[in-house]
PDB file of N, CA and C in Angstrom:
ATOM      1  N   UNK A   1     -12.348 -50.697   0.981  1.00  0.00           N
ATOM      2  CA  UNK A   1     -12.448 -49.822   0.328  1.00  0.00           C
ATOM      3  C   UNK A   1     -11.634 -49.071  -0.608  1.00  0.00           C
ATOM      4  N   UNK A   2     -11.636 -48.644  -1.835  1.00  0.00           N
ATOM      5  CA  UNK A   2     -10.857 -48.244  -2.890  1.00  0.00           C
ATOM      6  C   UNK A   2     -11.596 -46.608  -3.741  1.00  0.00           C
ATOM      7  N   UNK A   3     -10.617 -46.015  -3.713  1.00  0.00           N
ATOM      8  CA  UNK A   3     -10.384 -45.042  -4.581  1.00  0.00           C
ATOM      9  C   UNK A   3     -10.155 -45.564  -5.792  1.00  0.00           C
ATOM     10  N   UNK A   4     -10.918 -44.001  -7.104  1.00  0.00           N
ATOM     11  CA  UNK A   4     -10.384 -44.085  -8.002  1.00  0.00           C
ATOM     12  C   UNK A   4      -9.591 -42.895  -7.828  1.00  0.00           C
ATOM     13  N   UNK A   5      -8.096 -43.234  -8.947  1.00  0.00           N
ATOM     14  CA  UNK A   5      -7.783 -42.162  -9.268  1.00  0.00           C
ATOM     15  C   UNK A   5      -7.636 -41.106 -10.543  1.00  0.00           C
ATOM     16  N   UNK A   6      -6.909 -40.507 -10.940  1.00  0.00           N
ATOM     17  CA  UNK A   6      -7.274 -39.882 -11.644  1.00  0.00           C
ATOM     18  C   UNK A   6      -7.082 -40.792 -13.262  1.00  0.00           C
ATOM     19  N   UNK A   7      -5.790 -41.543 -13.373  1.00  0.00           N
ATOM     20  CA  UNK A   7      -5.830 -42.302 -14.952  1.00  0.00           C
ATOM     21  C   UNK A   7      -7.033 -43.482 -14.328  1.00  0.00           C
ATOM     22  N   UNK A   8      -7.439 -43.910 -13.985  1.00  0.00           N
ATOM     23  CA  UNK A   8      -8.210 -44.955 -13.575  1.00  0.00           C
ATOM     24  C   UNK A   8      -8.566 -45.641 -13.165  1.00  0.00           C
ATOM     25  N   UNK A   9      -7.638 -45.806 -12.945  1.00  0.00           N
ATOM     26  CA  UNK A   9      -7.278 -46.891 -11.922  1.00  0.00           C
ATOM     27  C   UNK A   9      -8.103 -46.631  -9.941  1.00  0.00           C
ATOM     28  N   UNK A  10      -7.702 -47.519  -9.224  1.00  0.00           N
ATOM     29  CA  UNK A  10      -8.417 -48.112  -8.277  1.00  0.00           C
ATOM     30  C   UNK A  10      -6.957 -48.221  -7.165  1.00  0.00           C
ATOM     31  N   UNK A  11      -7.052 -47.310  -6.750  1.00  0.00           N
ATOM     32  CA  UNK A  11      -6.464 -47.326  -4.881  1.00  0.00           C
ATOM     33  C   UNK A  11      -6.475 -47.653  -3.971  1.00  0.00           C
ATOM     34  N   UNK A  12      -6.038 -49.136  -3.365  1.00  0.00           N
ATOM     35  CA  UNK A  12      -6.530 -49.010  -2.182  1.00  0.00           C
ATOM     36  C   UNK A  12      -6.654 -48.280  -1.155  1.00  0.00           C
ATOM     37  N   UNK A  13      -7.598 -47.486   0.118  1.00  0.00           N
ATOM     38  CA  UNK A  13      -7.458 -46.756   0.934  1.00  0.00           C
ATOM     39  C   UNK A  13      -7.470 -46.995   2.364  1.00  0.00           C
ATOM     40  N   UNK A  14      -7.156 -46.569   2.751  1.00  0.00           N
ATOM     41  CA  UNK A  14      -7.213 -46.656   4.579  1.00  0.00           C
ATOM     42  C   UNK A  14      -7.569 -46.180   5.249  1.00  0.00           C
ATOM     43  N   UNK A  15      -8.601 -45.276   6.139  1.00  0.00           N
ATOM     44  CA  UNK A  15      -9.107 -44.917   6.667  1.00  0.00           C
ATOM     45  C   UNK A  15      -7.712 -44.237   8.138  1.00  0.00           C
ATOM     46  N   UNK A  16      -8.116 -43.180   7.993  1.00  0.00           N
ATOM     47  CA  UNK A  16      -7.681 -42.419   8.563  1.00  0.00           C
ATOM     48  C   UNK A  16      -7.871 -42.431  10.601  1.00  0.00           C
ATOM     49  N   UNK A  17      -6.081 -43.122  10.952  1.00  0.00           N
ATOM     50  CA  UNK A  17      -7.106 -43.094  12.862  1.00  0.00           C
ATOM     51  C   UNK A  17      -6.992 -41.666  13.486  1.00  0.00           C
ATOM     52  N   UNK A  18      -8.515 -41.530  14.387  1.00  0.00           N
ATOM     53  CA  UNK A  18      -8.136 -40.612  15.154  1.00  0.00           C
ATOM     54  C   UNK A  18      -7.118 -41.053  15.764  1.00  0.00           C
ATOM     55  N   UNK A  19      -6.291 -39.570  16.517  1.00  0.00           N
ATOM     56  CA  UNK A  19      -4.823 -39.748  17.622  1.00  0.00           C
ATOM     57  C   UNK A  19      -5.408 -39.669  18.667  1.00  0.00           C
ATOM     58  N   UNK A  20      -4.940 -41.145  19.489  1.00  0.00           N
ATOM     59  CA  UNK A  20      -5.393 -40.695  20.555  1.00  0.00           C
ATOM     60  C   UNK A  20      -4.358 -40.338  21.947  1.00  0.00           C
ATOM     61  N   UNK A  21      -4.611 -38.966  22.251  1.00  0.00           N
ATOM     62  CA  UNK A  21      -3.371 -38.362  23.300  1.00  0.00           C
ATOM     63  C   UNK A  21      -3.805 -38.752  24.972  1.00  0.00           C
ATOM     64  N   UNK A  22      -3.322 -38.670  25.550  1.00  0.00           N
ATOM     65  CA  UNK A  22      -3.269 -38.814  26.775  1.00  0.00           C
ATOM     66  C   UNK A  22      -2.324 -37.569  27.158  1.00  0.00           C
ATOM     67  N   UNK A  23      -2.977 -37.337  28.340  1.00  0.00           N
ATOM     68  CA  UNK A  23      -2.176 -37.025  29.666  1.00  0.00           C
ATOM     69  C   UNK A  23      -1.441 -36.818  31.330  1.00  0.00           C
ATOM     70  N   UNK A  24      -0.329 -36.741  30.411  1.00  0.00           N
ATOM     71  CA  UNK A  24       1.009 -36.882  31.928  1.00  0.00           C
ATOM     72  C   UNK A  24      -0.083 -36.332  33.025  1.00  0.00           C
ATOM     73  N   UNK A  25       0.707 -36.533  34.380  1.00  0.00           N
ATOM     74  CA  UNK A  25       0.391 -36.308  35.619  1.00  0.00           C
ATOM     75  C   UNK A  25       0.973 -34.435  35.554  1.00  0.00           C
ATOM     76  N   UNK A  26       1.688 -34.239  35.070  1.00  0.00           N
ATOM     77  CA  UNK A  26       2.856 -32.694  35.283  1.00  0.00           C
ATOM     78  C   UNK A  26       1.496 -32.021  34.092  1.00  0.00           C
ATOM     79  N   UNK A  27       0.204 -32.852  33.337  1.00  0.00           N
ATOM     80  CA  UNK A  27       0.002 -31.303  32.325  1.00  0.00           C
ATOM     81  C   UNK A  27       0.202 -31.869  30.905  1.00  0.00           C
ATOM     82  N   UNK A  28       1.980 -32.755  30.924  1.00  0.00           N
ATOM     83  CA  UNK A  28       2.110 -32.427  29.215  1.00  0.00           C
ATOM     84  C   UNK A  28       1.205 -33.656  28.590  1.00  0.00           C
ATOM     85  N   UNK A  29       1.312 -33.449  27.283  1.00  0.00           N
ATOM     86  CA  UNK A  29       0.094 -33.881  26.616  1.00  0.00           C
ATOM     87  C   UNK A  29       0.547 -34.694  25.547  1.00  0.00           C
ATOM     88  N   UNK A  30       0.174 -36.140  25.049  1.00  0.00           N
ATOM     89  CA  UNK A  30       0.821 -37.256  24.499  1.00  0.00           C
ATOM     90  C   UNK A  30       0.787 -37.772  23.581  1.00  0.00           C
ATOM     91  N   UNK A  31       0.893 -37.867  22.221  1.00  0.00           N
ATOM     92  CA  UNK A  31       0.186 -39.136  21.680  1.00  0.00           C
ATOM     93  C   UNK A  31       0.537 -39.719  21.916  1.00  0.00           C
ATOM     94  N   UNK A  32      -0.142 -40.452  22.454  1.00  0.00           N
ATOM     95  CA  UNK A  32      -0.610 -42.664  22.746  1.00  0.00           C
ATOM     96  C   UNK A  32       0.426 -42.914  24.145  1.00  0.00           C
ATOM     97  N   UNK A  33      -0.240 -44.333  23.948  1.00  0.00           N
ATOM     98  CA  UNK A  33      -0.033 -44.455  26.090  1.00  0.00           C
ATOM     99  C   UNK A  33       1.312 -44.950  25.988  1.00  0.00           C
ATOM    100  N   UNK A  34       2.133 -45.322  24.453  1.00  0.00           N
ATOM    101  CA  UNK A  34       3.720 -45.963  24.327  1.00  0.00           C
ATOM    102  C   UNK A  34       4.514 -44.603  24.726  1.00  0.00           C
ATOM    103  N   UNK A  35       3.728 -43.515  24.178  1.00  0.00           N
ATOM    104  CA  UNK A  35       4.750 -41.785  24.369  1.00  0.00           C
ATOM    105  C   UNK A  35       4.702 -41.654  25.521  1.00  0.00           C
ATOM    106  N   UNK A  36       3.566 -41.788  26.506  1.00  0.00           N
ATOM    107  CA  UNK A  36       2.926 -41.946  27.681  1.00  0.00           C
ATOM    108  C   UNK A  36       4.235 -42.525  28.535  1.00  0.00           C
ATOM    109  N   UNK A  37       4.580 -44.088  27.905  1.00  0.00           N
ATOM    110  CA  UNK A  37       5.193 -44.675  29.128  1.00  0.00           C
ATOM    111  C   UNK A  37       6.695 -44.416  28.899  1.00  0.00           C
ATOM    112  N   UNK A  38       6.789 -44.073  27.587  1.00  0.00           N
ATOM    113  CA  UNK A  38       8.320 -43.550  27.253  1.00  0.00           C
ATOM    114  C   UNK A  38       8.747 -42.621  28.427  1.00  0.00           C
ATOM    115  N   UNK A  39       7.423 -41.399  28.253  1.00  0.00           N
ATOM    116  CA  UNK A  39       7.566 -40.643  29.433  1.00  0.00           C
ATOM    117  C   UNK A  39       7.305 -40.385  30.561  1.00  0.00           C
ATOM    118  N   UNK A  40       7.326 -41.317  31.132  1.00  0.00           N
ATOM    119  CA  UNK A  40       6.602 -41.746  32.591  1.00  0.00           C
ATOM    120  C   UNK A  40       8.454 -42.151  33.156  1.00  0.00           C
ATOM    121  N   UNK A  41       9.236 -42.899  32.210  1.00  0.00           N
ATOM    122  CA  UNK A  41      10.229 -43.571  32.969  1.00  0.00           C
ATOM    123  C   UNK A  41      11.345 -42.066  33.373  1.00  0.00           C
ATOM    124  N   UNK A  42      10.917 -40.313  32.924  1.00  0.00           N
ATOM    125  CA  UNK A  42      11.826 -39.204  33.157  1.00  0.00           C
ATOM    126  C   UNK A  42      10.533 -38.152  34.018  1.00  0.00           C
ATOM    127  N   UNK A  43       9.871 -39.350  34.081  1.00  0.00           N
ATOM    128  CA  UNK A  43       8.706 -37.517  34.838  1.00  0.00           C
ATOM    129  C   UNK A  43       8.358 -37.555  36.287  1.00  0.00           C
ATOM    130  N   UNK A  44       9.315 -37.092  37.789  1.00  0.00           N
ATOM    131  CA  UNK A  44       9.051 -37.449  38.582  1.00  0.00           C
ATOM    132  C   UNK A  44       7.739 -37.410  38.949  1.00  0.00           C
ATOM    133  N   UNK A  45       7.257 -36.538  38.570  1.00  0.00           N
ATOM    134  CA  UNK A  45       5.250 -36.854  39.148  1.00  0.00           C
ATOM    135  C   UNK A  45       4.953 -38.110  39.194  1.00  0.00           C
ATOM    136  N   UNK A  46       5.073 -38.763  37.904  1.00  0.00           N
ATOM    137  CA  UNK A  46       4.883 -39.664  37.196  1.00  0.00           C
ATOM    138  C   UNK A  46       5.108 -40.902  37.805  1.00  0.00           C
ATOM    139  N   UNK A  47       6.530 -40.604  38.526  1.00  0.00           N
ATOM    140  CA  UNK A  47       7.157 -41.696  38.869  1.00  0.00           C
ATOM    141  C   UNK A  47       6.578 -41.773  40.387  1.00  0.00           C
ATOM    142  N   UNK A  48       6.403 -40.611  40.674  1.00  0.00           N
ATOM    143  CA  UNK A  48       6.136 -40.434  42.662  1.00  0.00           C
ATOM    144  C   UNK A  48       4.175 -40.990  42.609  1.00  0.00           C
ATOM    145  N   UNK A  49       3.755 -41.036  41.488  1.00  0.00           N
ATOM    146  CA  UNK A  49       2.206 -41.395  41.747  1.00  0.00           C
ATOM    147  C   UNK A  49       1.936 -43.280  41.107  1.00  0.00           C
ATOM    148  N   UNK A  50       2.875 -43.288  40.842  1.00  0.00           N
ATOM    149  CA  UNK A  50       3.478 -44.760  40.516  1.00  0.00           C
ATOM    150  C   UNK A  50       3.638 -45.687  41.983  1.00  0.00           C
ATOM    151  N   UNK A  51       5.053 -44.964  42.640  1.00  0.00           N
ATOM    152  CA  UNK A  51       5.308 -45.770  43.406  1.00  0.00           C
ATOM    153  C   UNK A  51       4.460 -45.857  44.848  1.00  0.00           C
ATOM    154  N   UNK A  52       3.712 -45.075  44.915  1.00  0.00           N
ATOM    155  CA  UNK A  52       2.314 -44.405  45.257  1.00  0.00           C
ATOM    156  C   UNK A  52       1.377 -45.601  45.266  1.00  0.00           C
ATOM    157  N   UNK A  53       0.831 -45.950  44.378  1.00  0.00           N
ATOM    158  CA  UNK A  53      -0.024 -46.495  43.711  1.00  0.00           C
ATOM    159  C   UNK A  53       0.352 -48.111  44.222  1.00  0.00           C
ATOM    160  N   UNK A  54       1.738 -48.256  44.087  1.00  0.00           N
ATOM    161  CA  UNK A  54       2.310 -50.093  44.327  1.00  0.00           C
ATOM    162  C   UNK A  54       2.111 -50.150  45.996  1.00  0.00           C
ATOM    163  N   UNK A  55       2.478 -49.042  46.876  1.00  0.00           N
ATOM    164  CA  UNK A  55       2.759 -48.712  48.167  1.00  0.00           C
ATOM    165  C   UNK A  55       1.647 -49.392  49.329  1.00  0.00           C
ATOM    166  N   UNK A  56       0.261 -48.899  47.714  1.00  0.00           N
ATOM    167  CA  UNK A  56      -0.563 -48.922  48.329  1.00  0.00           C
ATOM    168  C   UNK A  56      -1.311 -50.460  47.976  1.00  0.00           C
ATOM    169  N   UNK A  57      -0.973 -50.963  47.608  1.00  0.00           N
ATOM    170  CA  UNK A  57      -1.282 -52.808  46.642  1.00  0.00           C
ATOM    171  C   UNK A  57      -0.974 -53.433  47.626  1.00  0.00           C
ATOM    172  N   UNK A  58       0.300 -52.875  47.627  1.00  0.00           N
ATOM    173  CA  UNK A  58       1.152 -53.796  48.561  1.00  0.00           C
ATOM    174  C   UNK A  58       1.064 -53.893  50.275  1.00  0.00           C
ATOM    175  N   UNK A  59      -0.182 -52.444  50.128  1.00  0.00           N
ATOM    176  CA  UNK A  59      -0.366 -52.631  52.134  1.00  0.00           C
ATOM    177  C   UNK A  59      -1.865 -53.137  52.420  1.00  0.00           C
ATOM    178  N   UNK A  60      -1.903 -53.738  51.212  1.00  0.00           N
ATOM    179  CA  UNK A  60      -3.673 -54.329  51.133  1.00  0.00           C
ATOM    180  C   UNK A  60      -4.566 -52.892  51.599  1.00  0.00           C
ATOM    181  N   UNK A  61      -4.709 -52.128  51.509  1.00  0.00           N
ATOM    182  CA  UNK A  61      -5.548 -51.083  51.207  1.00  0.00           C
ATOM    183  C   UNK A  61      -6.082 -50.424  49.644  1.00  0.00           C
TER     184      UNK A  61
END
């Protein structure tokens, strides 16, 4: 894709991607999965959810 500038030259144009917002268990809205991963290291509610998920997997149910 390209656009024509005021000087008549063609310039490459990248499409603008839509931001992917993710909501944590605590209710905080974060921009992207990487931000959620960084936030989850500090969030007590997210750590408790992860611990319960791992315990459920280890118990086999």
